[in-house]
Amino acid sequence: MTTVKVLKGMMVFEKDSIRVICDLFYEDRQSPVRVNIKVKKEKMEHLPHGDTDYHDISEYYYIDSSVWEIINKIENSR
């Protein structure tokens, strides 16, 4: 894959989730592959160790769609 172009983001009913429509561009293809991916945000709280009262919250995103469905979409778009 050479480029990913996000076309549209849509809200979904699940908390901290979004559905994203993307075009995936490949060198060996004339047209991009359009995929529909659900992305979810997670928060992780890092609790303090020792005598400090400092703590941190990290946020990260992950693909919450079926990876197999995305792979099939890409492979069947030839």
Protein backbone atom coordinates (compact mmCIF):
# COMPACT_ATOMS: atom_id res chain seq x y z
CA MET A 1 0.00 0.00 0.00
CA THR A 2 1.35 3.41 -0.89
CA THR A 3 -1.30 5.81 0.42
CA VAL A 4 -4.41 5.89 2.60
CA LYS A 5 -6.96 8.61 1.96
CA VAL A 6 -9.69 9.12 4.55
CA LEU A 7 -12.86 10.17 2.73
CA LYS A 8 -15.42 10.38 5.49
CA GLY A 9 -15.86 9.80 9.19
CA MET A 10 -19.23 8.89 10.67
CA MET A 11 -20.41 8.55 14.24
CA VAL A 12 -21.73 5.19 15.41
CA PHE A 13 -23.90 4.27 18.39
CA GLU A 14 -21.03 2.78 20.37
CA LYS A 15 -19.21 5.05 22.77
CA ASP A 16 -15.75 6.21 21.65
CA SER A 17 -16.13 4.64 18.19
CA ILE A 18 -16.19 6.06 14.69
CA ARG A 19 -16.68 4.53 11.24
CA VAL A 20 -14.19 5.68 8.60
CA ILE A 21 -14.44 5.30 4.83
CA CYS A 22 -10.94 5.07 3.32
CA ASP A 23 -9.41 4.58 -0.09
CA LEU A 24 -6.32 2.37 -0.07
CA PHE A 25 -3.91 3.01 -2.94
CA TYR A 26 -1.53 0.35 -4.23
CA GLU A 27 1.26 0.70 -6.81
CA ASP A 28 0.04 -2.29 -8.84
CA ARG A 29 -3.60 -1.13 -9.12
CA GLN A 30 -5.13 1.57 -11.24
CA SER A 31 -7.95 2.36 -8.83
CA PRO A 32 -8.01 2.43 -5.03
CA VAL A 33 -9.75 -0.11 -2.80
CA ARG A 34 -12.52 1.48 -0.73
CA VAL A 35 -12.92 0.05 2.77
CA ASN A 36 -15.27 0.76 5.65
CA ILE A 37 -13.47 0.48 8.99
CA LYS A 38 -14.72 0.94 12.54
CA VAL A 39 -12.13 2.48 14.84
CA LYS A 40 -12.42 2.54 18.61
CA LYS A 41 -10.66 4.69 21.20
CA GLU A 42 -9.41 3.15 24.42
CA LYS A 43 -8.07 4.86 27.49
CA MET A 44 -5.49 3.36 29.79
CA GLU A 45 -4.78 4.87 33.16
CA HIS A 46 -1.27 4.48 34.51
CA LEU A 47 -1.44 4.40 38.29
CA PRO A 48 1.34 5.89 40.38
CA HIS A 49 4.13 3.77 41.77
CA GLY A 50 5.84 4.68 44.98
CA ASP A 51 5.26 7.92 46.87
CA THR A 52 4.15 10.11 43.97
CA ASP A 53 0.51 10.91 43.34
CA TYR A 54 1.13 11.52 39.63
CA HIS A 55 -0.80 9.37 37.16
CA ASP A 56 -1.20 9.47 33.43
CA ILE A 57 -3.96 8.55 31.01
CA SER A 58 -3.01 7.30 27.55
CA GLU A 59 -5.42 7.14 24.65
CA TYR A 60 -4.96 4.93 21.64
CA TYR A 61 -7.05 3.81 18.69
CA TYR A 62 -7.48 0.36 17.20
CA ILE A 63 -9.41 -1.23 14.33
CA ASP A 64 -12.61 -2.71 15.72
CA SER A 65 -13.78 -4.12 12.37
CA SER A 66 -13.12 -7.67 11.28
CA VAL A 67 -9.61 -7.70 9.86
CA TRP A 68 -10.54 -10.76 7.79
CA GLU A 69 -13.37 -8.81 6.15
CA ILE A 70 -10.97 -5.98 5.29
CA ILE A 71 -8.47 -8.45 3.82
CA ASN A 72 -11.20 -10.14 1.77
CA LYS A 73 -12.38 -6.76 0.49
CA ILE A 74 -8.85 -5.91 -0.65
CA GLU A 75 -8.20 -9.32 -2.23
CA ASN A 76 -11.57 -9.47 -4.03
CA SER A 77 -11.28 -6.00 -5.51
CA ARG A 78 -8.88 -7.04 -8.29
